[in-house]
């Protein structure tokens, strides 16, 4: 007899696989064009403009491309943080002093060069760009399976405003959720702005 938790895990796995296949199916040109449109929406958001400390990530090739976001935020005088994996399901946010500091970290994910890393207190993070495989119009999120963001947002930075920058095809009618899964406050795609609970 499968438990509810096992059923949810199976649903998550199937949806995650479907969404990652969708992302990989986009051409390089589509990735770049859609990413530009999504970032243009983000730059107009008052919550983003007012934020002093932005927690983002260096995107993988099939994700919304955030390199321009990192450059834009640094140029605007914001403090920019990137994830640093510190243990199983655990992470901290480290300061990115400049784009020149980017080097490959765990799992090949770019992070700040070790000698330039300083941890940003979680309580000072205003705005988080939350990655994910799928999102629902209610703000439900399907992560990539590690639980890093669920844990960090719930336990360390509950005050941070959470935005998902995602392709339109990754917004689905419903996402299998469990109690510990983190939701988002805003979803921006290349064609839509979705603010759950508004």
C-alpha atoms as a PDB file:
ATOM      1  CA  UNK A   1       0.000   0.000   0.000  1.00  0.00           C
ATOM      2  CA  UNK A   2       1.551   3.309  -1.039  1.00  0.00           C
ATOM      3  CA  UNK A   3       1.454   6.113   1.481  1.00  0.00           C
ATOM      4  CA  UNK A   4       0.276   9.617   0.627  1.00  0.00           C
ATOM      5  CA  UNK A   5       3.889  10.803   0.868  1.00  0.00           C
ATOM      6  CA  UNK A   6       5.052   8.149  -1.628  1.00  0.00           C
ATOM      7  CA  UNK A   7       2.210   9.077  -3.975  1.00  0.00           C
ATOM      8  CA  UNK A   8       3.212  12.762  -3.801  1.00  0.00           C
ATOM      9  CA  UNK A   9       6.853  11.875  -4.452  1.00  0.00           C
ATOM     10  CA  UNK A  10       5.874   9.880  -7.540  1.00  0.00           C
ATOM     11  CA  UNK A  11       3.686  12.755  -8.808  1.00  0.00           C
ATOM     12  CA  UNK A  12       6.500  15.238  -8.204  1.00  0.00           C
ATOM     13  CA  UNK A  13       9.029  13.063  -9.987  1.00  0.00           C
ATOM     14  CA  UNK A  14       6.797  12.653 -13.056  1.00  0.00           C
ATOM     15  CA  UNK A  15       5.998  16.377 -13.282  1.00  0.00           C
ATOM     16  CA  UNK A  16       9.643  17.346 -12.695  1.00  0.00           C
ATOM     17  CA  UNK A  17      10.741  15.035 -15.522  1.00  0.00           C
ATOM     18  CA  UNK A  18       8.111  16.469 -17.875  1.00  0.00           C
ATOM     19  CA  UNK A  19       9.107  20.072 -17.112  1.00  0.00           C
ATOM     20  CA  UNK A  20      12.846  19.463 -17.429  1.00  0.00           C
ATOM     21  CA  UNK A  21      12.224  17.812 -20.807  1.00  0.00           C
ATOM     22  CA  UNK A  22      10.207  20.879 -21.840  1.00  0.00           C
ATOM     23  CA  UNK A  23      13.034  23.223 -20.780  1.00  0.00           C
ATOM     24  CA  UNK A  24      15.656  21.209 -22.633  1.00  0.00           C
ATOM     25  CA  UNK A  25      13.457  21.284 -25.746  1.00  0.00           C
ATOM     26  CA  UNK A  26      13.758  25.067 -26.075  1.00  0.00           C
ATOM     27  CA  UNK A  27      16.399  26.327 -28.503  1.00  0.00           C
ATOM     28  CA  UNK A  28      19.261  28.536 -27.320  1.00  0.00           C
ATOM     29  CA  UNK A  29      17.579  31.479 -29.109  1.00  0.00           C
ATOM     30  CA  UNK A  30      14.258  30.791 -27.340  1.00  0.00           C
ATOM     31  CA  UNK A  31      16.043  30.586 -23.987  1.00  0.00           C
ATOM     32  CA  UNK A  32      17.726  33.941 -24.572  1.00  0.00           C
ATOM     33  CA  UNK A  33      14.667  35.720 -25.976  1.00  0.00           C
ATOM     34  CA  UNK A  34      12.289  34.483 -23.276  1.00  0.00           C
ATOM     35  CA  UNK A  35      14.843  35.176 -20.525  1.00  0.00           C
ATOM     36  CA  UNK A  36      15.217  38.790 -21.713  1.00  0.00           C
ATOM     37  CA  UNK A  37      11.428  39.273 -21.636  1.00  0.00           C
ATOM     38  CA  UNK A  38      11.190  37.794 -18.117  1.00  0.00           C
ATOM     39  CA  UNK A  39      14.020  39.955 -16.747  1.00  0.00           C
ATOM     40  CA  UNK A  40      12.474  43.078 -18.296  1.00  0.00           C
ATOM     41  CA  UNK A  41       9.329  42.344 -16.246  1.00  0.00           C
ATOM     42  CA  UNK A  42      11.373  41.800 -13.100  1.00  0.00           C
ATOM     43  CA  UNK A  43      13.187  45.145 -13.422  1.00  0.00           C
ATOM     44  CA  UNK A  44       9.789  46.923 -13.378  1.00  0.00           C
ATOM     45  CA  UNK A  45       8.742  45.279 -10.097  1.00  0.00           C
ATOM     46  CA  UNK A  46       8.719  47.755  -7.159  1.00  0.00           C
ATOM     47  CA  UNK A  47       9.683  44.969  -4.713  1.00  0.00           C
ATOM     48  CA  UNK A  48      12.776  44.243  -6.793  1.00  0.00           C
ATOM     49  CA  UNK A  49      13.645  47.923  -7.192  1.00  0.00           C
ATOM     50  CA  UNK A  50      13.382  48.547  -3.442  1.00  0.00           C
ATOM     51  CA  UNK A  51      15.291  45.437  -2.373  1.00  0.00           C
ATOM     52  CA  UNK A  52      18.782  46.039  -1.017  1.00  0.00           C
ATOM     53  CA  UNK A  53      19.879  42.379  -0.898  1.00  0.00           C
ATOM     54  CA  UNK A  54      18.942  40.020  -3.735  1.00  0.00           C
ATOM     55  CA  UNK A  55      19.452  36.271  -3.428  1.00  0.00           C
ATOM     56  CA  UNK A  56      19.636  34.778  -6.941  1.00  0.00           C
ATOM     57  CA  UNK A  57      21.563  31.965  -8.578  1.00  0.00           C
ATOM     58  CA  UNK A  58      23.824  31.423 -11.562  1.00  0.00           C
ATOM     59  CA  UNK A  59      21.522  29.642 -14.002  1.00  0.00           C
ATOM     60  CA  UNK A  60      22.162  26.380 -15.801  1.00  0.00           C
ATOM     61  CA  UNK A  61      21.941  26.467 -19.640  1.00  0.00           C
ATOM     62  CA  UNK A  62      18.313  25.237 -19.758  1.00  0.00           C
ATOM     63  CA  UNK A  63      17.024  27.647 -17.067  1.00  0.00           C
ATOM     64  CA  UNK A  64      15.919  31.259 -17.389  1.00  0.00           C
ATOM     65  CA  UNK A  65      19.231  33.039 -17.931  1.00  0.00           C
ATOM     66  CA  UNK A  66      20.061  35.228 -14.910  1.00  0.00           C
ATOM     67  CA  UNK A  67      23.549  36.481 -15.783  1.00  0.00           C
ATOM     68  CA  UNK A  68      22.091  39.833 -16.840  1.00  0.00           C
ATOM     69  CA  UNK A  69      20.134  40.009 -13.567  1.00  0.00           C
ATOM     70  CA  UNK A  70      23.333  39.585 -11.531  1.00  0.00           C
ATOM     71  CA  UNK A  71      25.011  42.334 -13.576  1.00  0.00           C
ATOM     72  CA  UNK A  72      21.963  44.615 -13.360  1.00  0.00           C
ATOM     73  CA  UNK A  73      21.616  44.235  -9.586  1.00  0.00           C
ATOM     74  CA  UNK A  74      25.344  44.829  -8.948  1.00  0.00           C
ATOM     75  CA  UNK A  75      25.280  47.899 -11.187  1.00  0.00           C
ATOM     76  CA  UNK A  76      22.240  49.200  -9.285  1.00  0.00           C
ATOM     77  CA  UNK A  77      24.281  49.000  -6.070  1.00  0.00           C
ATOM     78  CA  UNK A  78      22.402  46.041  -4.612  1.00  0.00           C
ATOM     79  CA  UNK A  79      24.102  43.338  -2.600  1.00  0.00           C
ATOM     80  CA  UNK A  80      23.872  40.100  -4.558  1.00  0.00           C
ATOM     81  CA  UNK A  81      23.954  36.668  -2.947  1.00  0.00           C
ATOM     82  CA  UNK A  82      24.382  33.213  -4.453  1.00  0.00           C
ATOM     83  CA  UNK A  83      23.697  29.790  -2.915  1.00  0.00           C
ATOM     84  CA  UNK A  84      26.513  27.917  -1.213  1.00  0.00           C
ATOM     85  CA  UNK A  85      25.775  24.265  -0.429  1.00  0.00           C
ATOM     86  CA  UNK A  86      27.015  23.530   3.121  1.00  0.00           C
ATOM     87  CA  UNK A  87      25.551  20.065   3.694  1.00  0.00           C
ATOM     88  CA  UNK A  88      22.746  17.717   2.682  1.00  0.00           C
ATOM     89  CA  UNK A  89      19.723  19.938   2.077  1.00  0.00           C
ATOM     90  CA  UNK A  90      21.551  22.869   3.683  1.00  0.00           C
ATOM     91  CA  UNK A  91      22.793  26.089   2.166  1.00  0.00           C
ATOM     92  CA  UNK A  92      23.903  29.600   3.012  1.00  0.00           C
ATOM     93  CA  UNK A  93      23.918  32.724   0.867  1.00  0.00           C
ATOM     94  CA  UNK A  94      27.319  34.120  -0.058  1.00  0.00           C
ATOM     95  CA  UNK A  95      28.081  37.582  -1.271  1.00  0.00           C
ATOM     96  CA  UNK A  96      28.973  38.021  -4.960  1.00  0.00           C
ATOM     97  CA  UNK A  97      31.319  41.040  -5.102  1.00  0.00           C
ATOM     98  CA  UNK A  98      31.491  41.085  -8.914  1.00  0.00           C
ATOM     99  CA  UNK A  99      30.828  38.903 -11.942  1.00  0.00           C
ATOM    100  CA  UNK A 100      34.580  38.265 -12.168  1.00  0.00           C
ATOM    101  CA  UNK A 101      34.300  36.304  -8.910  1.00  0.00           C
ATOM    102  CA  UNK A 102      32.132  33.569 -10.457  1.00  0.00           C
ATOM    103  CA  UNK A 103      33.683  30.101 -10.399  1.00  0.00           C
ATOM    104  CA  UNK A 104      32.136  26.585 -10.619  1.00  0.00           C
ATOM    105  CA  UNK A 105      31.101  25.215  -7.204  1.00  0.00           C
ATOM    106  CA  UNK A 106      29.280  22.004  -6.147  1.00  0.00           C
ATOM    107  CA  UNK A 107      27.320  20.289  -8.940  1.00  0.00           C
ATOM    108  CA  UNK A 108      29.065  22.647 -11.417  1.00  0.00           C
ATOM    109  CA  UNK A 109      26.892  25.535 -10.196  1.00  0.00           C
ATOM    110  CA  UNK A 110      28.645  28.879 -10.351  1.00  0.00           C
ATOM    111  CA  UNK A 111      29.302  30.612  -7.057  1.00  0.00           C
ATOM    112  CA  UNK A 112      31.645  33.259  -5.661  1.00  0.00           C
ATOM    113  CA  UNK A 113      35.370  32.448  -5.513  1.00  0.00           C
ATOM    114  CA  UNK A 114      36.170  30.888  -2.145  1.00  0.00           C
ATOM    115  CA  UNK A 115      38.581  33.580  -0.969  1.00  0.00           C
ATOM    116  CA  UNK A 116      35.972  36.266  -1.737  1.00  0.00           C
ATOM    117  CA  UNK A 117      33.040  34.495  -0.094  1.00  0.00           C
ATOM    118  CA  UNK A 118      31.362  36.044   2.893  1.00  0.00           C
ATOM    119  CA  UNK A 119      28.054  34.789   4.238  1.00  0.00           C
ATOM    120  CA  UNK A 120      25.120  37.194   4.061  1.00  0.00           C
ATOM    121  CA  UNK A 121      22.936  36.931   7.193  1.00  0.00           C
ATOM    122  CA  UNK A 122      19.630  35.339   6.151  1.00  0.00           C
ATOM    123  CA  UNK A 123      17.722  38.047   8.040  1.00  0.00           C
ATOM    124  CA  UNK A 124      19.121  40.658   5.604  1.00  0.00           C
ATOM    125  CA  UNK A 125      17.849  38.947   2.440  1.00  0.00           C
ATOM    126  CA  UNK A 126      14.965  41.029   1.007  1.00  0.00           C
ATOM    127  CA  UNK A 127      14.236  39.355  -2.298  1.00  0.00           C
ATOM    128  CA  UNK A 128      14.806  35.759  -3.429  1.00  0.00           C
ATOM    129  CA  UNK A 129      14.696  34.474  -6.994  1.00  0.00           C
ATOM    130  CA  UNK A 130      13.513  30.931  -6.342  1.00  0.00           C
ATOM    131  CA  UNK A 131      14.343  28.237  -8.910  1.00  0.00           C
ATOM    132  CA  UNK A 132      11.901  25.455  -9.664  1.00  0.00           C
ATOM    133  CA  UNK A 133      10.718  22.891 -12.176  1.00  0.00           C
ATOM    134  CA  UNK A 134       7.048  23.944 -12.114  1.00  0.00           C
ATOM    135  CA  UNK A 135       4.745  26.526 -10.515  1.00  0.00           C
ATOM    136  CA  UNK A 136       0.985  26.891 -10.183  1.00  0.00           C
ATOM    137  CA  UNK A 137      -1.019  30.151 -10.372  1.00  0.00           C
ATOM    138  CA  UNK A 138      -1.591  29.717  -6.587  1.00  0.00           C
ATOM    139  CA  UNK A 139       2.155  30.105  -5.991  1.00  0.00           C
ATOM    140  CA  UNK A 140       2.793  26.407  -5.374  1.00  0.00           C
ATOM    141  CA  UNK A 141       6.287  25.331  -6.401  1.00  0.00           C
ATOM    142  CA  UNK A 142       7.889  22.086  -7.470  1.00  0.00           C
ATOM    143  CA  UNK A 143      11.578  22.313  -6.655  1.00  0.00           C
ATOM    144  CA  UNK A 144      14.424  20.361  -8.162  1.00  0.00           C
ATOM    145  CA  UNK A 145      14.384  17.720  -5.430  1.00  0.00           C
ATOM    146  CA  UNK A 146      17.063  18.760  -2.948  1.00  0.00           C
ATOM    147  CA  UNK A 147      14.904  20.673  -0.473  1.00  0.00           C
ATOM    148  CA  UNK A 148      17.551  23.417  -0.122  1.00  0.00           C
ATOM    149  CA  UNK A 149      15.235  26.353  -0.793  1.00  0.00           C
ATOM    150  CA  UNK A 150      12.286  24.901   1.162  1.00  0.00           C
ATOM    151  CA  UNK A 151      14.486  24.614   4.225  1.00  0.00           C
ATOM    152  CA  UNK A 152      16.335  27.911   3.826  1.00  0.00           C
ATOM    153  CA  UNK A 153      13.190  29.984   3.252  1.00  0.00           C
ATOM    154  CA  UNK A 154      11.200  28.384   6.065  1.00  0.00           C
ATOM    155  CA  UNK A 155      13.901  28.250   8.718  1.00  0.00           C
ATOM    156  CA  UNK A 156      16.249  31.110   7.911  1.00  0.00           C
ATOM    157  CA  UNK A 157      14.643  33.747   5.678  1.00  0.00           C
ATOM    158  CA  UNK A 158      10.856  33.681   6.133  1.00  0.00           C
ATOM    159  CA  UNK A 159      10.793  37.471   5.677  1.00  0.00           C
ATOM    160  CA  UNK A 160      12.201  37.410   2.133  1.00  0.00           C
ATOM    161  CA  UNK A 161       9.905  38.147  -0.814  1.00  0.00           C
ATOM    162  CA  UNK A 162       9.952  35.140  -3.168  1.00  0.00           C
ATOM    163  CA  UNK A 163       9.798  35.504  -6.942  1.00  0.00           C
ATOM    164  CA  UNK A 164       9.835  32.746  -9.541  1.00  0.00           C
ATOM    165  CA  UNK A 165      11.274  33.605 -12.944  1.00  0.00           C
ATOM    166  CA  UNK A 166      10.085  30.825 -15.194  1.00  0.00           C
ATOM    167  CA  UNK A 167       9.044  29.971 -18.713  1.00  0.00           C
ATOM    168  CA  UNK A 168       5.320  30.073 -19.473  1.00  0.00           C
ATOM    169  CA  UNK A 169       5.282  26.333 -20.172  1.00  0.00           C
ATOM    170  CA  UNK A 170       6.347  25.635 -16.581  1.00  0.00           C
ATOM    171  CA  UNK A 171       3.213  27.204 -15.094  1.00  0.00           C
ATOM    172  CA  UNK A 172       0.776  24.318 -14.679  1.00  0.00           C
ATOM    173  CA  UNK A 173      -2.765  24.145 -13.209  1.00  0.00           C
ATOM    174  CA  UNK A 174      -1.613  22.376 -10.042  1.00  0.00           C
ATOM    175  CA  UNK A 175       1.582  21.222  -8.356  1.00  0.00           C
ATOM    176  CA  UNK A 176       1.753  18.333  -5.839  1.00  0.00           C
ATOM    177  CA  UNK A 177       2.614  20.000  -2.526  1.00  0.00           C
ATOM    178  CA  UNK A 178       3.556  18.798   0.940  1.00  0.00           C
ATOM    179  CA  UNK A 179       3.594  20.763   4.201  1.00  0.00           C
ATOM    180  CA  UNK A 180       7.295  21.626   3.991  1.00  0.00           C
ATOM    181  CA  UNK A 181       7.221  22.889   0.375  1.00  0.00           C
ATOM    182  CA  UNK A 182       7.896  26.619  -0.049  1.00  0.00           C
ATOM    183  CA  UNK A 183       5.441  28.754  -2.006  1.00  0.00           C
ATOM    184  CA  UNK A 184       6.267  31.913  -3.966  1.00  0.00           C
ATOM    185  CA  UNK A 185       4.792  35.448  -3.822  1.00  0.00           C
ATOM    186  CA  UNK A 186       5.206  36.269  -7.503  1.00  0.00           C
ATOM    187  CA  UNK A 187       5.593  34.399 -10.803  1.00  0.00           C
ATOM    188  CA  UNK A 188       6.976  36.155 -13.864  1.00  0.00           C
ATOM    189  CA  UNK A 189       7.031  34.462 -17.271  1.00  0.00           C
ATOM    190  CA  UNK A 190       7.774  35.842 -20.732  1.00  0.00           C
ATOM    191  CA  UNK A 191       4.038  36.616 -21.187  1.00  0.00           C
ATOM    192  CA  UNK A 192       2.522  36.845 -17.709  1.00  0.00           C
ATOM    193  CA  UNK A 193       2.731  38.355 -14.255  1.00  0.00           C
ATOM    194  CA  UNK A 194       0.995  36.158 -11.674  1.00  0.00           C
ATOM    195  CA  UNK A 195       0.596  37.357  -8.117  1.00  0.00           C
ATOM    196  CA  UNK A 196      -1.023  34.552  -6.099  1.00  0.00           C
ATOM    197  CA  UNK A 197      -3.637  35.467  -3.465  1.00  0.00           C
ATOM    198  CA  UNK A 198      -4.305  38.843  -5.084  1.00  0.00           C
END
